[in-house]
Amino acid sequence: MTLRLGVLDQSPVISGHSPAEAIAETISLARLAEELGYHRYWLAEHHAIAALADPCPEILVCRVASATSRIRVGTGGVLLPYYSPLKIAETFRMLEALFPGRIDLGLGRAPGGDPRTALALMDGRYEGAERMPQQVQDLVGFLDRTLDPRHPHASVKAQPAGDTAPEVWLLGSSDYSGALAAYLGLRFSFAHFINAHGGDAVMRGYREQFRASHRERRPYCTLAVFVICAATHEEAERLASSIDLRRYQMTLGIDAPVATTEQALAFEYTEQARAVVQRERARAVIGTPQAVKERLLALREQHEADELMVITITGDYPSRLRSYELLAQAFALAT
């Protein structure tokens, strides 16, 4: 069976473009991903970040699913500590009613922005992720109507009711979410694009500790990898300059749109800055279609991943589309 590949989209805002244009590019990429044979399309949640345009992926999921017809669409992910489990359950039950059998609910626990924004989102009462395990259990209970009869909200029924429910995934870049997914019997996705080290151990622990649930009889996991694919190695390296600069700016706390390739190539790095860029390169797979394919297959084997999710950001939207096209061709997704 062909390896399943999915797209993780952060709706990047490239310098000279508006956030509205970034969202429009997300819709275009989703349509192309379906045509190319990608299996899933996930949308990330971030707040008050100039380079990323999507603070409410649950709304964009509806738009993407409306613009496509077959590909699974979901969140990568909803940042659950901000929200009521019942509200998220009802939002995704509605999405499932609109697009049955196509909706994924990926859940994260990171703030998705700076501490001040987190406090503003929670009206000054942000408590972090301490309640995450209970929130996930409540959310699944509301989705599936399986809350313990002793639960204080056991009589509350999430609407709209239906015979199917979204797939539920826990997302993470450390062992926390993997252990929680294993304990609750849920699917798990490891963010290699955030943390390139130790993911194999996390996913091995997830598989070894997994407890079967009414949702999942066996462990199931994806690996999310940053990729830039181009016709030549030199072109791939040129395109990578934008993400190199963005990641360096992030270490300095600089909030700016993604630089164009020209802006990134013109940036003058100090020796120390170049060392930062080189260190961050471990989180990316960059090269020709064949080289990228070989590296992704090696990562899949190392992490024992059932599927791969691919995130690509470059300094212009056409080269981002082209990277996904070349990758799909390398893996023969549409055949």
Protein backbone atom coordinates (compact mmCIF):
# COMPACT_ATOMS: atom_id res chain seq x y z
CA MET A 1 0.00 0.00 0.00
CA THR A 2 1.21 3.50 -0.82
CA LEU A 3 2.47 5.40 2.21
CA ARG A 4 -0.10 7.98 3.27
CA LEU A 5 1.12 11.56 3.23
CA GLY A 6 -0.74 14.53 4.64
CA VAL A 7 -0.31 18.30 4.65
CA LEU A 8 0.11 20.42 7.78
CA ASP A 9 -0.57 24.05 6.90
CA GLN A 10 0.22 27.01 9.16
CA SER A 11 -1.13 29.50 6.57
CA PRO A 12 2.16 31.43 6.36
CA VAL A 13 2.06 35.16 5.64
CA ILE A 14 4.89 35.99 3.25
CA SER A 15 6.34 39.49 3.22
CA GLY A 16 4.40 41.74 0.84
CA HIS A 17 1.21 39.67 1.20
CA SER A 18 -1.77 40.09 3.51
CA PRO A 19 -3.16 37.51 5.94
CA ALA A 20 -6.26 37.30 3.71
CA GLU A 21 -4.00 36.32 0.81
CA ALA A 22 -2.34 33.70 3.02
CA ILE A 23 -5.75 32.17 3.77
CA ALA A 24 -6.62 32.18 0.06
CA GLU A 25 -3.34 30.35 -0.60
CA THR A 26 -4.34 27.76 1.98
CA ILE A 27 -7.52 27.06 0.03
CA SER A 28 -5.53 26.74 -3.21
CA LEU A 29 -3.04 24.38 -1.61
CA ALA A 30 -5.81 22.24 -0.14
CA ARG A 31 -7.43 21.81 -3.56
CA LEU A 32 -4.06 20.87 -5.05
CA ALA A 33 -3.30 18.45 -2.21
CA GLU A 34 -6.51 16.57 -2.86
CA GLU A 35 -5.79 16.42 -6.59
CA LEU A 36 -2.27 15.14 -5.90
CA GLY A 37 -3.44 12.33 -3.64
CA TYR A 38 -2.58 13.58 -0.16
CA HIS A 39 -4.65 11.84 2.52
CA ARG A 40 -5.15 14.57 5.15
CA TYR A 41 -5.04 18.34 5.38
CA TRP A 42 -4.49 19.79 8.85
CA LEU A 43 -4.69 23.43 9.89
CA ALA A 44 -2.70 24.85 12.80
CA GLU A 45 -3.77 27.34 15.47
CA HIS A 46 -1.54 30.32 16.31
CA HIS A 47 -2.29 33.69 17.89
CA ALA A 48 -0.85 37.18 17.35
CA ILE A 49 2.02 35.93 15.15
CA ALA A 50 2.72 38.09 12.10
CA ALA A 51 3.99 35.14 10.03
CA LEU A 52 0.99 32.84 10.58
CA ALA A 53 -2.57 33.77 9.61
CA ASP A 54 -4.85 31.23 11.31
CA PRO A 55 -6.01 31.73 14.92
CA CYS A 56 -9.21 29.67 14.49
CA PRO A 57 -8.60 26.47 12.51
CA GLU A 58 -12.08 25.13 13.26
CA ILE A 59 -13.48 27.83 10.95
CA LEU A 60 -10.88 27.21 8.26
CA VAL A 61 -11.56 23.45 8.44
CA CYS A 62 -15.10 24.19 7.27
CA ARG A 63 -13.87 26.32 4.37
CA VAL A 64 -11.24 23.78 3.28
CA ALA A 65 -13.66 20.87 3.51
CA SER A 66 -16.16 22.86 1.44
CA ALA A 67 -13.51 23.51 -1.21
CA THR A 68 -12.61 19.80 -1.46
CA SER A 69 -14.56 16.56 -1.68
CA ARG A 70 -12.44 13.57 -0.57
CA ILE A 71 -9.41 14.55 1.47
CA ARG A 72 -9.70 14.33 5.26
CA VAL A 73 -9.59 17.78 6.86
CA GLY A 74 -8.77 18.65 10.43
CA THR A 75 -6.84 20.62 12.98
CA GLY A 76 -3.20 20.32 13.81
CA GLY A 77 -4.34 21.34 16.29
CA VAL A 78 -6.95 23.03 18.41
CA LEU A 79 -5.20 24.36 21.55
CA LEU A 80 -7.50 22.74 24.08
CA PRO A 81 -6.41 24.56 27.28
CA TYR A 82 -8.11 27.70 25.92
CA TYR A 83 -11.50 26.10 25.45
CA SER A 84 -14.47 24.28 26.94
CA PRO A 85 -14.44 20.58 26.00
CA LEU A 86 -18.17 20.71 25.34
CA LYS A 87 -17.82 23.66 22.95
CA ILE A 88 -15.08 21.91 20.97
CA ALA A 89 -17.11 18.68 20.94
CA GLU A 90 -20.13 20.50 19.53
CA THR A 91 -18.06 22.41 16.98
CA PHE A 92 -16.57 19.18 15.66
CA ARG A 93 -19.83 17.27 15.81
CA MET A 94 -21.21 20.00 13.55
CA LEU A 95 -18.23 19.65 11.19
CA GLU A 96 -18.73 15.89 11.16
CA ALA A 97 -22.43 16.38 10.32
CA LEU A 98 -21.49 18.66 7.44
CA PHE A 99 -18.64 16.47 6.14
CA PRO A 100 -19.22 12.93 7.48
CA GLY A 101 -16.20 10.66 7.56
CA ARG A 102 -13.74 13.43 6.67
CA ILE A 103 -13.02 15.34 9.89
CA ASP A 104 -9.97 15.05 12.16
CA LEU A 105 -9.74 16.72 15.57
CA GLY A 106 -6.10 17.21 16.48
CA LEU A 107 -5.48 18.62 19.97
CA GLY A 108 -2.46 20.51 21.26
CA ARG A 109 -1.52 22.01 24.61
CA ALA A 110 0.98 24.75 23.67
CA PRO A 111 -0.13 28.40 23.99
CA GLY A 112 0.40 29.06 20.27
CA GLY A 113 1.64 32.58 20.95
CA ASP A 114 3.25 34.75 23.61
CA PRO A 115 2.21 34.76 27.30
CA ARG A 116 0.40 38.10 27.06
CA THR A 117 -1.76 36.80 24.22
CA ALA A 118 -2.53 33.64 26.18
CA LEU A 119 -3.74 35.74 29.10
CA ALA A 120 -5.86 37.90 26.79
CA LEU A 121 -7.47 34.84 25.21
CA MET A 122 -8.46 33.58 28.66
CA ASP A 123 -9.50 37.03 29.94
CA GLY A 124 -6.55 37.09 32.31
CA ARG A 125 -6.99 33.59 33.73
CA TYR A 126 -4.77 31.34 31.60
CA GLU A 127 -3.83 28.30 33.71
CA GLY A 128 -1.63 26.46 31.24
CA ALA A 129 -2.09 22.80 30.37
CA GLU A 130 -2.53 21.36 33.86
CA ARG A 131 -6.14 20.38 33.10
CA MET A 132 -5.34 18.86 29.70
CA PRO A 133 -5.81 15.16 30.67
CA GLN A 134 -9.26 15.80 32.13
CA GLN A 135 -10.20 18.10 29.26
CA VAL A 136 -9.34 15.42 26.69
CA GLN A 137 -11.33 12.79 28.55
CA ASP A 138 -14.31 15.13 28.83
CA LEU A 139 -14.08 16.08 25.17
CA VAL A 140 -14.04 12.47 24.00
CA GLY A 141 -16.87 11.70 26.40
CA PHE A 142 -18.97 14.50 24.95
CA LEU A 143 -18.13 13.49 21.37
CA ASP A 144 -19.02 9.84 21.90
CA ARG A 145 -21.63 10.20 24.68
CA THR A 146 -19.50 8.00 26.93
CA LEU A 147 -19.11 10.25 29.98
CA ASP A 148 -19.08 8.39 33.28
CA PRO A 149 -22.59 8.52 34.79
CA ARG A 150 -21.00 10.09 37.87
CA HIS A 151 -19.58 13.00 35.84
CA PRO A 152 -21.23 16.30 36.83
CA HIS A 153 -22.19 16.93 33.18
CA ALA A 154 -23.11 13.36 32.26
CA SER A 155 -26.65 14.38 31.28
CA VAL A 156 -25.43 16.99 28.77
CA LYS A 157 -25.55 15.77 25.15
CA ALA A 158 -23.26 17.36 22.57
CA GLN A 159 -25.13 18.30 19.41
CA PRO A 160 -25.69 17.59 16.62
CA ALA A 161 -25.99 13.89 17.34
CA GLY A 162 -24.87 11.44 14.67
CA ASP A 163 -23.63 7.94 13.96
CA THR A 164 -20.03 9.00 13.26
CA ALA A 165 -17.51 11.19 15.05
CA PRO A 166 -14.23 12.86 14.10
CA GLU A 167 -10.95 11.05 14.56
CA VAL A 168 -9.22 12.38 17.70
CA TRP A 169 -5.45 12.91 17.71
CA LEU A 170 -3.12 14.23 20.39
CA LEU A 171 -0.25 16.31 19.04
CA GLY A 172 3.07 16.94 20.71
CA SER A 173 6.83 17.42 20.50
CA SER A 174 7.70 15.69 23.80
CA ASP A 175 6.72 12.56 25.68
CA TYR A 176 3.79 14.23 27.49
CA SER A 177 1.20 14.00 24.72
CA GLY A 178 2.48 10.60 23.60
CA ALA A 179 2.01 9.18 27.09
CA LEU A 180 -1.44 10.76 27.40
CA ALA A 181 -2.51 9.43 23.99
CA ALA A 182 -1.34 5.96 24.97
CA TYR A 183 -3.16 6.08 28.31
CA LEU A 184 -6.44 7.25 26.74
CA GLY A 185 -6.22 5.00 23.67
CA LEU A 186 -6.06 7.80 21.10
CA ARG A 187 -4.07 8.52 17.95
CA PHE A 188 -0.81 10.48 18.27
CA SER A 189 1.20 12.80 16.06
CA PHE A 190 4.80 13.77 16.87
CA ALA A 191 6.07 17.17 15.67
CA HIS A 192 9.53 16.46 14.28
CA PHE A 193 9.42 19.94 12.70
CA ILE A 194 9.51 21.36 16.25
CA ASN A 195 11.78 18.81 17.92
CA ALA A 196 14.10 16.71 15.76
CA HIS A 197 15.52 14.74 18.66
CA GLY A 198 14.02 11.92 20.71
CA GLY A 199 10.86 11.47 18.69
CA ASP A 200 11.63 7.81 18.02
CA ALA A 201 11.75 7.11 21.75
CA VAL A 202 8.51 9.04 22.31
CA MET A 203 6.70 7.09 19.60
CA ARG A 204 8.13 3.80 20.80
CA GLY A 205 6.88 4.61 24.29
CA TYR A 206 3.47 5.48 22.87
CA ARG A 207 3.23 2.11 21.15
CA GLU A 208 4.48 0.13 24.15
CA GLN A 209 2.19 1.86 26.65
CA PHE A 210 -0.91 2.04 24.45
CA ARG A 211 -4.16 0.88 26.04
CA ALA A 212 -6.95 -0.13 23.67
CA SER A 213 -10.09 2.02 23.89
CA HIS A 214 -13.52 2.12 22.32
CA ARG A 215 -11.99 4.47 19.73
CA GLU A 216 -8.74 2.70 18.87
CA ARG A 217 -7.89 -0.98 19.22
CA ARG A 218 -4.25 -0.43 18.33
CA PRO A 219 -1.76 2.46 18.42
CA TYR A 220 -1.68 4.69 15.37
CA CYS A 221 0.69 7.59 14.83
CA THR A 222 1.96 10.14 12.36
CA LEU A 223 5.24 12.03 12.10
CA ALA A 224 5.02 15.70 11.08
CA VAL A 225 8.12 16.82 9.16
CA PHE A 226 9.21 20.13 7.63
CA VAL A 227 10.10 19.65 3.95
CA ILE A 228 11.35 21.78 1.07
CA CYS A 229 11.51 19.88 -2.21
CA ALA A 230 12.88 21.36 -5.47
CA ALA A 231 14.16 20.14 -8.81
CA THR A 232 17.79 20.62 -7.76
CA HIS A 233 19.62 20.65 -4.47
CA GLU A 234 20.80 24.19 -5.16
CA GLU A 235 17.24 25.44 -5.67
CA ALA A 236 16.05 23.71 -2.52
CA GLU A 237 18.84 25.37 -0.54
CA ARG A 238 17.93 28.74 -2.03
CA LEU A 239 14.29 28.30 -1.04
CA ALA A 240 15.31 27.22 2.46
CA SER A 241 16.84 30.64 3.12
CA SER A 242 13.45 32.06 4.10
CA ILE A 243 12.77 29.49 6.80
CA ASP A 244 16.39 29.75 7.96
CA LEU A 245 15.87 33.46 8.56
CA ARG A 246 12.47 32.97 10.18
CA ARG A 247 13.84 30.45 12.66
CA TYR A 248 16.75 32.73 13.48
CA GLN A 249 14.35 35.63 14.02
CA MET A 250 12.26 33.45 16.33
CA THR A 251 15.29 32.88 18.57
CA LEU A 252 15.54 36.69 18.89
CA GLY A 253 11.84 37.20 19.53
CA ILE A 254 11.36 39.07 16.25
CA ASP A 255 7.74 38.98 15.07
CA ALA A 256 7.66 39.49 11.30
CA PRO A 257 6.13 37.92 8.18
CA VAL A 258 8.08 35.19 6.42
CA ALA A 259 10.84 36.82 4.39
CA THR A 260 10.85 36.46 0.63
CA THR A 261 13.72 34.45 -0.81
CA GLU A 262 15.38 37.65 -2.01
CA GLN A 263 15.12 39.27 1.42
CA ALA A 264 16.46 36.16 3.11
CA LEU A 265 19.42 35.79 0.74
CA ALA A 266 20.33 39.44 1.31
CA PHE A 267 20.44 39.04 5.10
CA GLU A 268 23.95 39.27 6.54
CA TYR A 269 24.54 36.59 9.17
CA THR A 270 27.18 36.73 11.84
CA GLU A 271 29.16 33.58 12.54
CA GLN A 272 27.08 33.06 15.67
CA ALA A 273 23.84 33.48 13.73
CA ARG A 274 24.95 30.94 11.14
CA ALA A 275 25.56 28.46 13.94
CA VAL A 276 21.96 28.95 15.07
CA VAL A 277 20.70 28.35 11.54
CA GLN A 278 22.79 25.20 11.20
CA ARG A 279 21.47 23.89 14.50
CA GLU A 280 17.87 24.50 13.41
CA ARG A 281 18.42 22.66 10.12
CA ALA A 282 18.03 19.32 11.96
CA ARG A 283 14.28 20.03 11.96
CA ALA A 284 14.03 20.14 8.16
CA VAL A 285 14.36 17.84 5.17
CA ILE A 286 15.60 19.83 2.18
CA GLY A 287 16.62 18.63 -1.27
CA THR A 288 15.61 16.98 -4.53
CA PRO A 289 12.52 14.76 -4.75
CA GLN A 290 14.52 11.54 -4.54
CA ALA A 291 16.71 12.77 -1.68
CA VAL A 292 13.68 14.02 0.26
CA LYS A 293 11.82 10.76 -0.33
CA GLU A 294 14.73 8.68 0.94
CA ARG A 295 15.10 10.82 4.05
CA LEU A 296 11.36 10.74 4.79
CA LEU A 297 11.25 6.96 4.42
CA ALA A 298 14.21 6.68 6.80
CA LEU A 299 12.47 8.92 9.34
CA ARG A 300 9.28 6.92 8.98
CA GLU A 301 11.17 3.69 9.66
CA GLN A 302 13.11 5.19 12.57
CA HIS A 303 9.92 6.45 14.22
CA GLU A 304 7.70 3.54 13.12
CA ALA A 305 5.15 6.06 11.86
CA ASP A 306 1.95 4.89 10.19
CA GLU A 307 1.69 8.13 8.18
CA LEU A 308 3.69 11.27 7.48
CA MET A 309 2.47 14.87 7.63
CA VAL A 310 4.46 17.43 5.66
CA ILE A 311 4.73 21.15 6.37
CA THR A 312 6.37 23.41 3.78
CA ILE A 313 7.04 27.14 4.01
CA THR A 314 9.08 29.04 1.45
CA GLY A 315 9.48 32.70 0.49
CA ASP A 316 6.81 32.57 -2.21
CA TYR A 317 3.58 30.66 -2.65
CA PRO A 318 4.25 29.07 -6.08
CA SER A 319 7.40 27.30 -4.86
CA ARG A 320 5.47 25.97 -1.87
CA LEU A 321 2.90 24.46 -4.23
CA ARG A 322 5.65 23.05 -6.41
CA SER A 323 7.36 21.41 -3.44
CA TYR A 324 4.17 19.47 -2.65
CA GLU A 325 3.78 18.54 -6.32
CA LEU A 326 7.30 17.15 -6.56
CA LEU A 327 6.85 15.20 -3.33
CA ALA A 328 3.58 13.68 -4.51
CA GLN A 329 5.25 12.63 -7.74
CA ALA A 330 8.18 11.08 -5.89
CA PHE A 331 5.80 8.99 -3.78
CA ALA A 332 3.43 8.32 -6.70
CA LEU A 333 0.48 9.40 -4.54
CA ALA A 334 -2.03 9.78 -7.35
CA THR A 335 -1.39 6.36 -8.91
